[in-house]
């Protein structure tokens, strides 16, 4: 067991595993584009509802959590 542990330590596999443990892979270009389109559509819908008076500014704000 001791030889195995030392070999694993020297090879650096434990160190590598710890480095990538919580690594989050980024979004793909297509996912980024769809998210950006969605954000703009939501913003436009919000502006329209504010201008027409269907909703107030307070309706869009999220309540603060304590």
PDB file of N, CA and C in Angstrom:
ATOM      1  N   UNK A   1       0.827  -1.192   0.000  1.00  0.00           N
ATOM      2  CA  UNK A   1       0.000   0.000   0.000  1.00  0.00           C
ATOM      3  C   UNK A   1       0.874   1.259   0.000  1.00  0.00           C
ATOM      4  N   UNK A   2       1.970   1.199   0.737  1.00  0.00           N
ATOM      5  CA  UNK A   2       2.826   2.364   0.827  1.00  0.00           C
ATOM      6  C   UNK A   2       3.467   2.685  -0.524  1.00  0.00           C
ATOM      7  N   UNK A   3       3.902   1.644  -1.239  1.00  0.00           N
ATOM      8  CA  UNK A   3       4.525   1.858  -2.544  1.00  0.00           C
ATOM      9  C   UNK A   3       3.517   2.456  -3.528  1.00  0.00           C
ATOM     10  N   UNK A   4       2.290   1.944  -3.477  1.00  0.00           N
ATOM     11  CA  UNK A   4       1.242   2.466  -4.355  1.00  0.00           C
ATOM     12  C   UNK A   4       0.988   3.939  -4.072  1.00  0.00           C
ATOM     13  N   UNK A   5       0.861   4.277  -2.792  1.00  0.00           N
ATOM     14  CA  UNK A   5       0.583   5.676  -2.417  1.00  0.00           C
ATOM     15  C   UNK A   5       1.703   6.597  -2.877  1.00  0.00           C
ATOM     16  N   UNK A   6       2.944   6.162  -2.672  1.00  0.00           N
ATOM     17  CA  UNK A   6       4.082   6.994  -3.068  1.00  0.00           C
ATOM     18  C   UNK A   6       4.112   7.163  -4.591  1.00  0.00           C
ATOM     19  N   UNK A   7       3.832   6.088  -5.319  1.00  0.00           N
ATOM     20  CA  UNK A   7       3.843   6.162  -6.776  1.00  0.00           C
ATOM     21  C   UNK A   7       2.759   7.116  -7.280  1.00  0.00           C
ATOM     22  N   UNK A   8       1.602   7.054  -6.661  1.00  0.00           N
ATOM     23  CA  UNK A   8       0.505   7.954  -7.042  1.00  0.00           C
ATOM     24  C   UNK A   8       0.883   9.396  -6.734  1.00  0.00           C
ATOM     25  N   UNK A   9       1.482   9.633  -5.573  1.00  0.00           N
ATOM     26  CA  UNK A   9       1.881  10.994  -5.214  1.00  0.00           C
ATOM     27  C   UNK A   9       2.918  11.539  -6.186  1.00  0.00           C
ATOM     28  N   UNK A  10       3.906  10.724  -6.524  1.00  0.00           N
ATOM     29  CA  UNK A  10       4.972  11.182  -7.402  1.00  0.00           C
ATOM     30  C   UNK A  10       4.479  11.425  -8.829  1.00  0.00           C
ATOM     31  N   UNK A  11       3.491  10.653  -9.256  1.00  0.00           N
ATOM     32  CA  UNK A  11       3.009  10.834 -10.626  1.00  0.00           C
ATOM     33  C   UNK A  11       2.189  12.118 -10.772  1.00  0.00           C
ATOM     34  N   UNK A  12       1.614  12.611  -9.674  1.00  0.00           N
ATOM     35  CA  UNK A  12       0.864  13.864  -9.711  1.00  0.00           C
ATOM     36  C   UNK A  12      -0.607  13.696 -10.052  1.00  0.00           C
ATOM     37  N   UNK A  13      -1.113  12.470 -10.040  1.00  0.00           N
ATOM     38  CA  UNK A  13      -2.519  12.272 -10.382  1.00  0.00           C
ATOM     39  C   UNK A  13      -3.446  12.829  -9.311  1.00  0.00           C
ATOM     40  N   UNK A  14      -3.059  12.727  -8.057  1.00  0.00           N
ATOM     41  CA  UNK A  14      -3.895  13.280  -6.979  1.00  0.00           C
ATOM     42  C   UNK A  14      -3.948  14.795  -7.097  1.00  0.00           C
ATOM     43  N   UNK A  15      -2.809  15.402  -7.365  1.00  0.00           N
ATOM     44  CA  UNK A  15      -2.746  16.856  -7.526  1.00  0.00           C
ATOM     45  C   UNK A  15      -3.617  17.306  -8.693  1.00  0.00           C
ATOM     46  N   UNK A  16      -3.538  16.580  -9.794  1.00  0.00           N
ATOM     47  CA  UNK A  16      -4.348  16.918 -10.967  1.00  0.00           C
ATOM     48  C   UNK A  16      -5.832  16.767 -10.674  1.00  0.00           C
ATOM     49  N   UNK A  17      -6.193  15.707  -9.965  1.00  0.00           N
ATOM     50  CA  UNK A  17      -7.602  15.478  -9.631  1.00  0.00           C
ATOM     51  C   UNK A  17      -8.126  16.589  -8.732  1.00  0.00           C
ATOM     52  N   UNK A  18      -7.315  17.053  -7.817  1.00  0.00           N
ATOM     53  CA  UNK A  18      -7.746  18.148  -6.938  1.00  0.00           C
ATOM     54  C   UNK A  18      -7.891  19.455  -7.710  1.00  0.00           C
ATOM     55  N   UNK A  19      -7.036  19.661  -8.704  1.00  0.00           N
ATOM     56  CA  UNK A  19      -7.112  20.893  -9.494  1.00  0.00           C
ATOM     57  C   UNK A  19      -8.414  20.970 -10.287  1.00  0.00           C
ATOM     58  N   UNK A  20      -8.793  19.855 -10.907  1.00  0.00           N
ATOM     59  CA  UNK A  20      -9.962  19.885 -11.794  1.00  0.00           C
ATOM     60  C   UNK A  20     -11.246  19.464 -11.104  1.00  0.00           C
ATOM     61  N   UNK A  21     -11.219  19.292  -9.808  1.00  0.00           N
ATOM     62  CA  UNK A  21     -12.372  18.767  -9.084  1.00  0.00           C
ATOM     63  C   UNK A  21     -13.609  19.640  -9.246  1.00  0.00           C
ATOM     64  N   UNK A  22     -13.463  20.937  -9.077  1.00  0.00           N
ATOM     65  CA  UNK A  22     -14.609  21.835  -9.139  1.00  0.00           C
ATOM     66  C   UNK A  22     -14.588  22.701 -10.393  1.00  0.00           C
ATOM     67  N   UNK A  23     -13.849  22.302 -11.399  1.00  0.00           N
ATOM     68  CA  UNK A  23     -13.768  23.079 -12.639  1.00  0.00           C
ATOM     69  C   UNK A  23     -15.093  22.979 -13.386  1.00  0.00           C
ATOM     70  N   UNK A  24     -15.639  24.123 -13.743  1.00  0.00           N
ATOM     71  CA  UNK A  24     -16.907  24.166 -14.445  1.00  0.00           C
ATOM     72  C   UNK A  24     -16.650  24.482 -15.909  1.00  0.00           C
ATOM     73  N   UNK A  25     -17.090  23.612 -16.767  1.00  0.00           N
ATOM     74  CA  UNK A  25     -16.890  23.828 -18.193  1.00  0.00           C
ATOM     75  C   UNK A  25     -17.802  24.961 -18.654  1.00  0.00           C
ATOM     76  N   UNK A  26     -17.252  25.860 -19.451  1.00  0.00           N
ATOM     77  CA  UNK A  26     -18.022  27.001 -19.930  1.00  0.00           C
ATOM     78  C   UNK A  26     -19.104  26.595 -20.911  1.00  0.00           C
ATOM     79  N   UNK A  27     -19.999  27.543 -21.187  1.00  0.00           N
ATOM     80  CA  UNK A  27     -21.074  27.283 -22.139  1.00  0.00           C
ATOM     81  C   UNK A  27     -20.530  27.287 -23.557  1.00  0.00           C
ATOM     82  N   UNK A  28     -21.206  26.567 -24.436  1.00  0.00           N
ATOM     83  CA  UNK A  28     -20.826  26.561 -25.836  1.00  0.00           C
ATOM     84  C   UNK A  28     -21.249  27.883 -26.474  1.00  0.00           C
ATOM     85  N   UNK A  29     -20.738  28.150 -27.659  1.00  0.00           N
ATOM     86  CA  UNK A  29     -21.078  29.401 -28.344  1.00  0.00           C
ATOM     87  C   UNK A  29     -22.576  29.478 -28.623  1.00  0.00           C
ATOM     88  N   UNK A  30     -23.149  28.359 -28.999  1.00  0.00           N
ATOM     89  CA  UNK A  30     -24.583  28.343 -29.295  1.00  0.00           C
ATOM     90  C   UNK A  30     -25.396  28.638 -28.042  1.00  0.00           C
ATOM     91  N   UNK A  31     -25.001  28.071 -26.917  1.00  0.00           N
ATOM     92  CA  UNK A  31     -25.713  28.324 -25.665  1.00  0.00           C
ATOM     93  C   UNK A  31     -25.576  29.786 -25.247  1.00  0.00           C
ATOM     94  N   UNK A  32     -24.383  30.363 -25.453  1.00  0.00           N
ATOM     95  CA  UNK A  32     -24.172  31.781 -25.136  1.00  0.00           C
ATOM     96  C   UNK A  32     -25.080  32.658 -26.001  1.00  0.00           C
ATOM     97  N   UNK A  33     -25.175  32.328 -27.281  1.00  0.00           N
ATOM     98  CA  UNK A  33     -26.018  33.117 -28.189  1.00  0.00           C
ATOM     99  C   UNK A  33     -27.487  33.050 -27.778  1.00  0.00           C
ATOM    100  N   UNK A  34     -27.964  31.841 -27.500  1.00  0.00           N
ATOM    101  CA  UNK A  34     -29.371  31.712 -27.121  1.00  0.00           C
ATOM    102  C   UNK A  34     -29.658  32.432 -25.814  1.00  0.00           C
ATOM    103  N   UNK A  35     -28.710  32.403 -24.873  1.00  0.00           N
ATOM    104  CA  UNK A  35     -28.899  33.114 -23.616  1.00  0.00           C
ATOM    105  C   UNK A  35     -28.947  34.625 -23.849  1.00  0.00           C
ATOM    106  N   UNK A  36     -28.095  35.126 -24.741  1.00  0.00           N
ATOM    107  CA  UNK A  36     -28.077  36.557 -25.040  1.00  0.00           C
ATOM    108  C   UNK A  36     -29.379  36.984 -25.717  1.00  0.00           C
ATOM    109  N   UNK A  37     -29.865  36.170 -26.636  1.00  0.00           N
ATOM    110  CA  UNK A  37     -31.130  36.481 -27.303  1.00  0.00           C
ATOM    111  C   UNK A  37     -32.268  36.507 -26.294  1.00  0.00           C
ATOM    112  N   UNK A  38     -32.267  35.548 -25.409  1.00  0.00           N
ATOM    113  CA  UNK A  38     -33.309  35.481 -24.376  1.00  0.00           C
ATOM    114  C   UNK A  38     -33.269  36.707 -23.472  1.00  0.00           C
ATOM    115  N   UNK A  39     -32.073  37.138 -23.091  1.00  0.00           N
ATOM    116  CA  UNK A  39     -31.948  38.332 -22.239  1.00  0.00           C
ATOM    117  C   UNK A  39     -32.505  39.561 -22.931  1.00  0.00           C
ATOM    118  N   UNK A  40     -32.192  39.727 -24.214  1.00  0.00           N
ATOM    119  CA  UNK A  40     -32.688  40.903 -24.934  1.00  0.00           C
ATOM    120  C   UNK A  40     -34.205  40.850 -25.082  1.00  0.00           C
ATOM    121  N   UNK A  41     -34.751  39.663 -25.363  1.00  0.00           N
ATOM    122  CA  UNK A  41     -36.202  39.552 -25.492  1.00  0.00           C
ATOM    123  C   UNK A  41     -36.910  39.877 -24.176  1.00  0.00           C
ATOM    124  N   UNK A  42     -36.367  39.401 -23.077  1.00  0.00           N
ATOM    125  CA  UNK A  42     -36.967  39.688 -21.770  1.00  0.00           C
ATOM    126  C   UNK A  42     -36.897  41.184 -21.482  1.00  0.00           C
ATOM    127  N   UNK A  43     -35.753  41.808 -21.824  1.00  0.00           N
ATOM    128  CA  UNK A  43     -35.614  43.251 -21.611  1.00  0.00           C
ATOM    129  C   UNK A  43     -36.603  44.050 -22.443  1.00  0.00           C
ATOM    130  N   UNK A  44     -36.775  43.642 -23.693  1.00  0.00           N
ATOM    131  CA  UNK A  44     -37.723  44.345 -24.560  1.00  0.00           C
ATOM    132  C   UNK A  44     -39.151  44.185 -24.054  1.00  0.00           C
ATOM    133  N   UNK A  45     -39.493  42.975 -23.619  1.00  0.00           N
ATOM    134  CA  UNK A  45     -40.839  42.737 -23.086  1.00  0.00           C
ATOM    135  C   UNK A  45     -41.077  43.574 -21.822  1.00  0.00           C
ATOM    136  N   UNK A  46     -40.044  43.685 -21.006  1.00  0.00           N
ATOM    137  CA  UNK A  46     -40.146  44.469 -19.771  1.00  0.00           C
ATOM    138  C   UNK A  46     -40.366  45.949 -20.100  1.00  0.00           C
ATOM    139  N   UNK A  47     -39.583  46.464 -21.028  1.00  0.00           N
ATOM    140  CA  UNK A  47     -39.734  47.861 -21.433  1.00  0.00           C
ATOM    141  C   UNK A  47     -41.127  48.125 -21.999  1.00  0.00           C
ATOM    142  N   UNK A  48     -41.625  47.225 -22.809  1.00  0.00           N
ATOM    143  CA  UNK A  48     -42.956  47.381 -23.400  1.00  0.00           C
ATOM    144  C   UNK A  48     -44.027  47.429 -22.309  1.00  0.00           C
ATOM    145  N   UNK A  49     -43.924  46.517 -21.337  1.00  0.00           N
ATOM    146  CA  UNK A  49     -44.928  46.472 -20.270  1.00  0.00           C
ATOM    147  C   UNK A  49     -44.857  47.722 -19.394  1.00  0.00           C
ATOM    148  N   UNK A  50     -43.642  48.238 -19.197  1.00  0.00           N
ATOM    149  CA  UNK A  50     -43.513  49.471 -18.418  1.00  0.00           C
ATOM    150  C   UNK A  50     -44.116  50.655 -19.173  1.00  0.00           C
ATOM    151  N   UNK A  51     -43.838  50.740 -20.470  1.00  0.00           N
ATOM    152  CA  UNK A  51     -44.336  51.869 -21.262  1.00  0.00           C
ATOM    153  C   UNK A  51     -45.850  51.843 -21.408  1.00  0.00           C
ATOM    154  N   UNK A  52     -46.429  50.667 -21.548  1.00  0.00           N
ATOM    155  CA  UNK A  52     -47.877  50.576 -21.709  1.00  0.00           C
ATOM    156  C   UNK A  52     -48.605  50.669 -20.379  1.00  0.00           C
ATOM    157  N   UNK A  53     -47.882  50.574 -19.285  1.00  0.00           N
ATOM    158  CA  UNK A  53     -48.500  50.698 -17.967  1.00  0.00           C
ATOM    159  C   UNK A  53     -49.110  49.403 -17.453  1.00  0.00           C
ATOM    160  N   UNK A  54     -48.782  48.291 -18.083  1.00  0.00           N
ATOM    161  CA  UNK A  54     -49.331  47.017 -17.634  1.00  0.00           C
ATOM    162  C   UNK A  54     -48.676  46.543 -16.339  1.00  0.00           C
ATOM    163  N   UNK A  55     -47.427  46.948 -16.132  1.00  0.00           N
ATOM    164  CA  UNK A  55     -46.728  46.588 -14.903  1.00  0.00           C
ATOM    165  C   UNK A  55     -45.951  47.794 -14.420  1.00  0.00           C
ATOM    166  N   UNK A  56     -45.636  47.784 -13.139  1.00  0.00           N
ATOM    167  CA  UNK A  56     -44.863  48.859 -12.542  1.00  0.00           C
ATOM    168  C   UNK A  56     -43.425  48.383 -12.327  1.00  0.00           C
ATOM    169  N   UNK A  57     -42.556  49.336 -12.063  1.00  0.00           N
ATOM    170  CA  UNK A  57     -41.146  49.018 -11.826  1.00  0.00           C
ATOM    171  C   UNK A  57     -40.981  48.098 -10.615  1.00  0.00           C
ATOM    172  N   UNK A  58     -41.817  48.285  -9.604  1.00  0.00           N
ATOM    173  CA  UNK A  58     -41.707  47.478  -8.377  1.00  0.00           C
ATOM    174  C   UNK A  58     -42.043  46.010  -8.629  1.00  0.00           C
ATOM    175  N   UNK A  59     -42.873  45.742  -9.651  1.00  0.00           N
ATOM    176  CA  UNK A  59     -43.259  44.366  -9.939  1.00  0.00           C
ATOM    177  C   UNK A  59     -42.084  43.541 -10.452  1.00  0.00           C
ATOM    178  N   UNK A  60     -41.101  44.196 -11.054  1.00  0.00           N
ATOM    179  CA  UNK A  60     -39.963  43.479 -11.617  1.00  0.00           C
ATOM    180  C   UNK A  60     -38.868  43.224 -10.596  1.00  0.00           C
ATOM    181  N   UNK A  61     -38.867  43.979  -9.535  1.00  0.00           N
ATOM    182  CA  UNK A  61     -37.808  43.826  -8.543  1.00  0.00           C
ATOM    183  C   UNK A  61     -38.065  42.605  -7.679  1.00  0.00           C
ATOM    184  N   UNK A  62     -37.017  41.869  -7.433  1.00  0.00           N
ATOM    185  CA  UNK A  62     -37.134  40.703  -6.564  1.00  0.00           C
ATOM    186  C   UNK A  62     -37.053  41.156  -5.110  1.00  0.00           C
ATOM    187  N   UNK A  63     -37.811  40.518  -4.245  1.00  0.00           N
ATOM    188  CA  UNK A  63     -37.700  40.890  -2.832  1.00  0.00           C
ATOM    189  C   UNK A  63     -36.345  40.483  -2.281  1.00  0.00           C
ATOM    190  N   UNK A  64     -35.820  41.306  -1.418  1.00  0.00           N
ATOM    191  CA  UNK A  64     -34.500  41.025  -0.835  1.00  0.00           C
ATOM    192  C   UNK A  64     -34.609  39.902   0.185  1.00  0.00           C
ATOM    193  N   UNK A  65     -33.632  39.053   0.162  1.00  0.00           N
ATOM    194  CA  UNK A  65     -33.583  37.961   1.158  1.00  0.00           C
ATOM    195  C   UNK A  65     -32.591  38.329   2.225  1.00  0.00           C
ATOM    196  N   UNK A  66     -32.973  38.078   3.427  1.00  0.00           N
ATOM    197  CA  UNK A  66     -32.078  38.415   4.553  1.00  0.00           C
ATOM    198  C   UNK A  66     -31.471  37.194   5.146  1.00  0.00           C
TER     199      UNK A  66
END
